[in-house]
């Protein structure tokens, strides 16, 4: 979009201007993509980077589930009151990532990461922990390396595999 002063502005046409009974009347219009909006934005409170951290939590939730935690007619009320449906997160998602999502999606911003730097530190720590874990393939390789020759021959005889003797 180009303003009258010939300035280029990036606009998200998914933004909504919504008024509900649980939005303070004197807070002015409410702007934000309702799928990712933080509780404090809905309440018309002053926002800071913790609102972005909430939105990042929604994004990570979407990345691991393929859906957002809240949608539908009462979406704003759900952001304010409904528990996050953590049961939608599969067991394949490491517990460290689940904890990050949980902290990002706290309804009370004082219980979230207090800065993006703090959130990044948690993500990097989780990444480091997850990457240190041996993969299933490495576990199998270790077992084979520590096994005697009979085990190697037995593995070569698995049905559907060609015998390479």
C-alpha atoms as a PDB file:
ATOM      1  CA  UNK A   1       0.000   0.000   0.000  1.00  0.00           C
ATOM      2  CA  UNK A   2       1.269   3.501  -0.746  1.00  0.00           C
ATOM      3  CA  UNK A   3       0.239   6.391   1.523  1.00  0.00           C
ATOM      4  CA  UNK A   4      -0.598   9.949   0.398  1.00  0.00           C
ATOM      5  CA  UNK A   5       2.978  10.861   1.351  1.00  0.00           C
ATOM      6  CA  UNK A   6       4.206   8.199  -1.097  1.00  0.00           C
ATOM      7  CA  UNK A   7       5.428   5.925   1.705  1.00  0.00           C
ATOM      8  CA  UNK A   8       5.216   2.177   1.143  1.00  0.00           C
ATOM      9  CA  UNK A   9       3.442   0.290   3.962  1.00  0.00           C
ATOM     10  CA  UNK A  10       3.161  -3.468   4.375  1.00  0.00           C
ATOM     11  CA  UNK A  11      -0.428  -4.427   5.146  1.00  0.00           C
ATOM     12  CA  UNK A  12      -1.843  -7.725   6.389  1.00  0.00           C
ATOM     13  CA  UNK A  13      -5.327  -7.983   4.931  1.00  0.00           C
ATOM     14  CA  UNK A  14      -6.058 -10.759   7.436  1.00  0.00           C
ATOM     15  CA  UNK A  15      -6.169  -8.176  10.230  1.00  0.00           C
ATOM     16  CA  UNK A  16      -9.482  -7.753  11.956  1.00  0.00           C
ATOM     17  CA  UNK A  17     -11.024  -4.833  13.762  1.00  0.00           C
ATOM     18  CA  UNK A  18     -13.325  -6.418  16.345  1.00  0.00           C
ATOM     19  CA  UNK A  19     -15.340  -5.255  19.363  1.00  0.00           C
ATOM     20  CA  UNK A  20     -16.606  -7.759  21.918  1.00  0.00           C
ATOM     21  CA  UNK A  21     -18.068  -7.423  25.399  1.00  0.00           C
ATOM     22  CA  UNK A  22     -14.764  -8.550  26.951  1.00  0.00           C
ATOM     23  CA  UNK A  23     -12.749  -5.853  25.175  1.00  0.00           C
ATOM     24  CA  UNK A  24     -12.471  -2.652  27.197  1.00  0.00           C
ATOM     25  CA  UNK A  25     -14.760  -0.015  25.666  1.00  0.00           C
ATOM     26  CA  UNK A  26     -12.181   2.764  25.967  1.00  0.00           C
ATOM     27  CA  UNK A  27      -9.382   0.781  24.382  1.00  0.00           C
ATOM     28  CA  UNK A  28     -10.156   1.790  20.793  1.00  0.00           C
ATOM     29  CA  UNK A  29     -10.304  -0.644  17.886  1.00  0.00           C
ATOM     30  CA  UNK A  30      -8.675  -4.033  18.272  1.00  0.00           C
ATOM     31  CA  UNK A  31      -6.197  -4.951  15.573  1.00  0.00           C
ATOM     32  CA  UNK A  32      -4.516  -8.289  15.049  1.00  0.00           C
ATOM     33  CA  UNK A  33      -4.853 -11.569  13.230  1.00  0.00           C
ATOM     34  CA  UNK A  34      -7.293 -13.294  15.561  1.00  0.00           C
ATOM     35  CA  UNK A  35      -5.664 -16.711  15.141  1.00  0.00           C
ATOM     36  CA  UNK A  36      -2.430 -15.341  16.642  1.00  0.00           C
ATOM     37  CA  UNK A  37      -3.609 -12.486  18.885  1.00  0.00           C
ATOM     38  CA  UNK A  38      -2.447 -12.337  22.494  1.00  0.00           C
ATOM     39  CA  UNK A  39      -4.798 -12.023  25.470  1.00  0.00           C
ATOM     40  CA  UNK A  40      -3.445  -8.570  26.350  1.00  0.00           C
ATOM     41  CA  UNK A  41      -4.196  -7.301  22.839  1.00  0.00           C
ATOM     42  CA  UNK A  42      -7.771  -8.538  23.184  1.00  0.00           C
ATOM     43  CA  UNK A  43      -8.101  -6.757  26.520  1.00  0.00           C
ATOM     44  CA  UNK A  44      -6.782  -3.538  25.007  1.00  0.00           C
ATOM     45  CA  UNK A  45      -3.752  -3.413  27.289  1.00  0.00           C
ATOM     46  CA  UNK A  46      -0.439  -1.919  26.306  1.00  0.00           C
ATOM     47  CA  UNK A  47       1.513  -4.527  24.396  1.00  0.00           C
ATOM     48  CA  UNK A  48       5.183  -5.367  24.326  1.00  0.00           C
ATOM     49  CA  UNK A  49       7.345  -8.169  22.970  1.00  0.00           C
ATOM     50  CA  UNK A  50       5.547 -10.693  25.197  1.00  0.00           C
ATOM     51  CA  UNK A  51       2.555 -10.354  22.854  1.00  0.00           C
ATOM     52  CA  UNK A  52       4.877 -11.399  20.015  1.00  0.00           C
ATOM     53  CA  UNK A  53       6.101 -14.308  22.127  1.00  0.00           C
ATOM     54  CA  UNK A  54       2.478 -15.486  22.463  1.00  0.00           C
ATOM     55  CA  UNK A  55       2.114 -15.293  18.664  1.00  0.00           C
ATOM     56  CA  UNK A  56       5.367 -17.221  18.229  1.00  0.00           C
ATOM     57  CA  UNK A  57       3.934 -19.893  20.542  1.00  0.00           C
ATOM     58  CA  UNK A  58       0.879 -20.150  18.280  1.00  0.00           C
ATOM     59  CA  UNK A  59       3.189 -20.434  15.269  1.00  0.00           C
ATOM     60  CA  UNK A  60       5.273 -23.221  16.853  1.00  0.00           C
ATOM     61  CA  UNK A  61       2.057 -24.994  17.913  1.00  0.00           C
ATOM     62  CA  UNK A  62       0.906 -24.811  14.278  1.00  0.00           C
ATOM     63  CA  UNK A  63       4.266 -26.106  13.051  1.00  0.00           C
ATOM     64  CA  UNK A  64       4.046 -29.269  15.173  1.00  0.00           C
ATOM     65  CA  UNK A  65       0.290 -29.923  14.878  1.00  0.00           C
ATOM     66  CA  UNK A  66      -0.777 -28.509  11.517  1.00  0.00           C
ATOM     67  CA  UNK A  67      -3.483 -26.448  13.233  1.00  0.00           C
ATOM     68  CA  UNK A  68      -3.803 -23.448  15.496  1.00  0.00           C
ATOM     69  CA  UNK A  69      -4.908 -24.029  19.088  1.00  0.00           C
ATOM     70  CA  UNK A  70      -7.926 -21.728  18.895  1.00  0.00           C
ATOM     71  CA  UNK A  71     -10.381 -21.036  16.095  1.00  0.00           C
ATOM     72  CA  UNK A  72     -14.091 -20.646  15.566  1.00  0.00           C
ATOM     73  CA  UNK A  73     -16.787 -18.211  16.563  1.00  0.00           C
ATOM     74  CA  UNK A  74     -15.559 -17.531  20.106  1.00  0.00           C
ATOM     75  CA  UNK A  75     -11.881 -17.348  19.185  1.00  0.00           C
ATOM     76  CA  UNK A  76     -11.139 -14.253  21.274  1.00  0.00           C
ATOM     77  CA  UNK A  77     -12.796 -15.758  24.334  1.00  0.00           C
ATOM     78  CA  UNK A  78     -10.754 -18.930  23.776  1.00  0.00           C
ATOM     79  CA  UNK A  79      -7.508 -16.936  23.724  1.00  0.00           C
ATOM     80  CA  UNK A  80      -8.558 -15.395  27.031  1.00  0.00           C
ATOM     81  CA  UNK A  81      -9.989 -18.406  28.852  1.00  0.00           C
ATOM     82  CA  UNK A  82      -9.666 -21.778  27.116  1.00  0.00           C
ATOM     83  CA  UNK A  83      -6.832 -24.119  28.000  1.00  0.00           C
ATOM     84  CA  UNK A  84      -4.368 -24.770  25.194  1.00  0.00           C
ATOM     85  CA  UNK A  85      -5.153 -28.197  23.682  1.00  0.00           C
ATOM     86  CA  UNK A  86      -1.718 -29.698  24.292  1.00  0.00           C
ATOM     87  CA  UNK A  87      -3.127 -33.159  23.589  1.00  0.00           C
ATOM     88  CA  UNK A  88      -2.997 -32.206  19.884  1.00  0.00           C
ATOM     89  CA  UNK A  89       0.806 -32.208  20.067  1.00  0.00           C
ATOM     90  CA  UNK A  90       2.069 -35.633  19.023  1.00  0.00           C
ATOM     91  CA  UNK A  91       4.315 -37.784  21.153  1.00  0.00           C
ATOM     92  CA  UNK A  92       7.058 -37.383  18.534  1.00  0.00           C
ATOM     93  CA  UNK A  93       7.539 -33.748  19.613  1.00  0.00           C
ATOM     94  CA  UNK A  94      10.348 -33.522  22.172  1.00  0.00           C
ATOM     95  CA  UNK A  95       9.270 -32.519  25.672  1.00  0.00           C
ATOM     96  CA  UNK A  96      11.611 -29.503  25.505  1.00  0.00           C
ATOM     97  CA  UNK A  97       9.616 -28.106  22.567  1.00  0.00           C
ATOM     98  CA  UNK A  98       6.322 -28.765  24.352  1.00  0.00           C
ATOM     99  CA  UNK A  99       7.601 -26.797  27.362  1.00  0.00           C
ATOM    100  CA  UNK A 100       8.584 -23.880  25.125  1.00  0.00           C
ATOM    101  CA  UNK A 101       5.138 -23.829  23.522  1.00  0.00           C
ATOM    102  CA  UNK A 102       3.502 -24.005  26.937  1.00  0.00           C
ATOM    103  CA  UNK A 103       5.510 -21.080  28.299  1.00  0.00           C
ATOM    104  CA  UNK A 104       4.937 -18.978  25.173  1.00  0.00           C
ATOM    105  CA  UNK A 105       1.179 -19.540  25.385  1.00  0.00           C
ATOM    106  CA  UNK A 106       0.676 -18.586  29.017  1.00  0.00           C
ATOM    107  CA  UNK A 107      -2.462 -16.430  29.311  1.00  0.00           C
ATOM    108  CA  UNK A 108      -0.725 -14.136  31.815  1.00  0.00           C
ATOM    109  CA  UNK A 109       2.141 -12.435  30.023  1.00  0.00           C
ATOM    110  CA  UNK A 110       4.100 -12.290  33.276  1.00  0.00           C
ATOM    111  CA  UNK A 111       4.343 -16.093  33.130  1.00  0.00           C
ATOM    112  CA  UNK A 112       5.704 -16.116  29.546  1.00  0.00           C
ATOM    113  CA  UNK A 113       9.279 -15.546  28.513  1.00  0.00           C
ATOM    114  CA  UNK A 114       9.896 -11.909  29.403  1.00  0.00           C
ATOM    115  CA  UNK A 115      11.894 -11.149  26.279  1.00  0.00           C
ATOM    116  CA  UNK A 116      12.556 -12.613  22.864  1.00  0.00           C
ATOM    117  CA  UNK A 117      16.160 -13.104  23.998  1.00  0.00           C
ATOM    118  CA  UNK A 118      14.952 -15.324  26.843  1.00  0.00           C
ATOM    119  CA  UNK A 119      12.779 -17.305  24.394  1.00  0.00           C
ATOM    120  CA  UNK A 120      15.693 -17.709  21.974  1.00  0.00           C
ATOM    121  CA  UNK A 121      17.917 -18.942  24.810  1.00  0.00           C
ATOM    122  CA  UNK A 122      15.299 -21.584  25.690  1.00  0.00           C
ATOM    123  CA  UNK A 123      15.010 -22.664  22.048  1.00  0.00           C
ATOM    124  CA  UNK A 124      18.804 -22.914  21.669  1.00  0.00           C
ATOM    125  CA  UNK A 125      19.089 -24.912  24.896  1.00  0.00           C
ATOM    126  CA  UNK A 126      16.342 -27.271  23.710  1.00  0.00           C
ATOM    127  CA  UNK A 127      18.054 -27.644  20.343  1.00  0.00           C
ATOM    128  CA  UNK A 128      21.349 -28.482  22.013  1.00  0.00           C
ATOM    129  CA  UNK A 129      19.707 -31.072  24.267  1.00  0.00           C
ATOM    130  CA  UNK A 130      17.764 -32.663  21.417  1.00  0.00           C
ATOM    131  CA  UNK A 131      20.795 -32.828  19.107  1.00  0.00           C
ATOM    132  CA  UNK A 132      22.863 -34.596  21.794  1.00  0.00           C
ATOM    133  CA  UNK A 133      20.442 -37.513  21.827  1.00  0.00           C
ATOM    134  CA  UNK A 134      21.513 -40.481  19.749  1.00  0.00           C
ATOM    135  CA  UNK A 135      19.206 -41.254  16.897  1.00  0.00           C
ATOM    136  CA  UNK A 136      17.630 -44.673  16.521  1.00  0.00           C
ATOM    137  CA  UNK A 137      20.016 -45.363  13.649  1.00  0.00           C
ATOM    138  CA  UNK A 138      23.036 -44.629  15.857  1.00  0.00           C
ATOM    139  CA  UNK A 139      21.620 -46.883  18.584  1.00  0.00           C
ATOM    140  CA  UNK A 140      21.329 -49.758  16.120  1.00  0.00           C
ATOM    141  CA  UNK A 141      24.842 -49.113  14.798  1.00  0.00           C
ATOM    142  CA  UNK A 142      26.228 -49.168  18.351  1.00  0.00           C
ATOM    143  CA  UNK A 143      24.454 -52.450  19.058  1.00  0.00           C
ATOM    144  CA  UNK A 144      25.851 -54.026  15.918  1.00  0.00           C
ATOM    145  CA  UNK A 145      29.370 -52.760  16.612  1.00  0.00           C
ATOM    146  CA  UNK A 146      29.258 -54.175  20.147  1.00  0.00           C
ATOM    147  CA  UNK A 147      27.761 -57.483  19.001  1.00  0.00           C
ATOM    148  CA  UNK A 148      29.464 -60.666  18.098  1.00  0.00           C
ATOM    149  CA  UNK A 149      29.579 -62.015  14.571  1.00  0.00           C
ATOM    150  CA  UNK A 150      26.490 -64.186  15.104  1.00  0.00           C
ATOM    151  CA  UNK A 151      24.361 -61.080  15.547  1.00  0.00           C
ATOM    152  CA  UNK A 152      25.670 -59.605  12.309  1.00  0.00           C
ATOM    153  CA  UNK A 153      24.854 -62.841  10.457  1.00  0.00           C
ATOM    154  CA  UNK A 154      21.415 -62.930  12.078  1.00  0.00           C
ATOM    155  CA  UNK A 155      20.719 -59.387  10.881  1.00  0.00           C
ATOM    156  CA  UNK A 156      21.694 -60.395   7.362  1.00  0.00           C
ATOM    157  CA  UNK A 157      19.102 -63.190   7.457  1.00  0.00           C
ATOM    158  CA  UNK A 158      16.113 -60.875   8.133  1.00  0.00           C
ATOM    159  CA  UNK A 159      13.235 -61.848   5.820  1.00  0.00           C
ATOM    160  CA  UNK A 160      12.960 -59.571   2.800  1.00  0.00           C
ATOM    161  CA  UNK A 161      16.647 -58.673   2.954  1.00  0.00           C
ATOM    162  CA  UNK A 162      19.195 -60.183   0.617  1.00  0.00           C
ATOM    163  CA  UNK A 163      21.782 -62.390   2.185  1.00  0.00           C
ATOM    164  CA  UNK A 164      25.084 -60.648   1.542  1.00  0.00           C
ATOM    165  CA  UNK A 165      27.313 -63.550   2.616  1.00  0.00           C
END
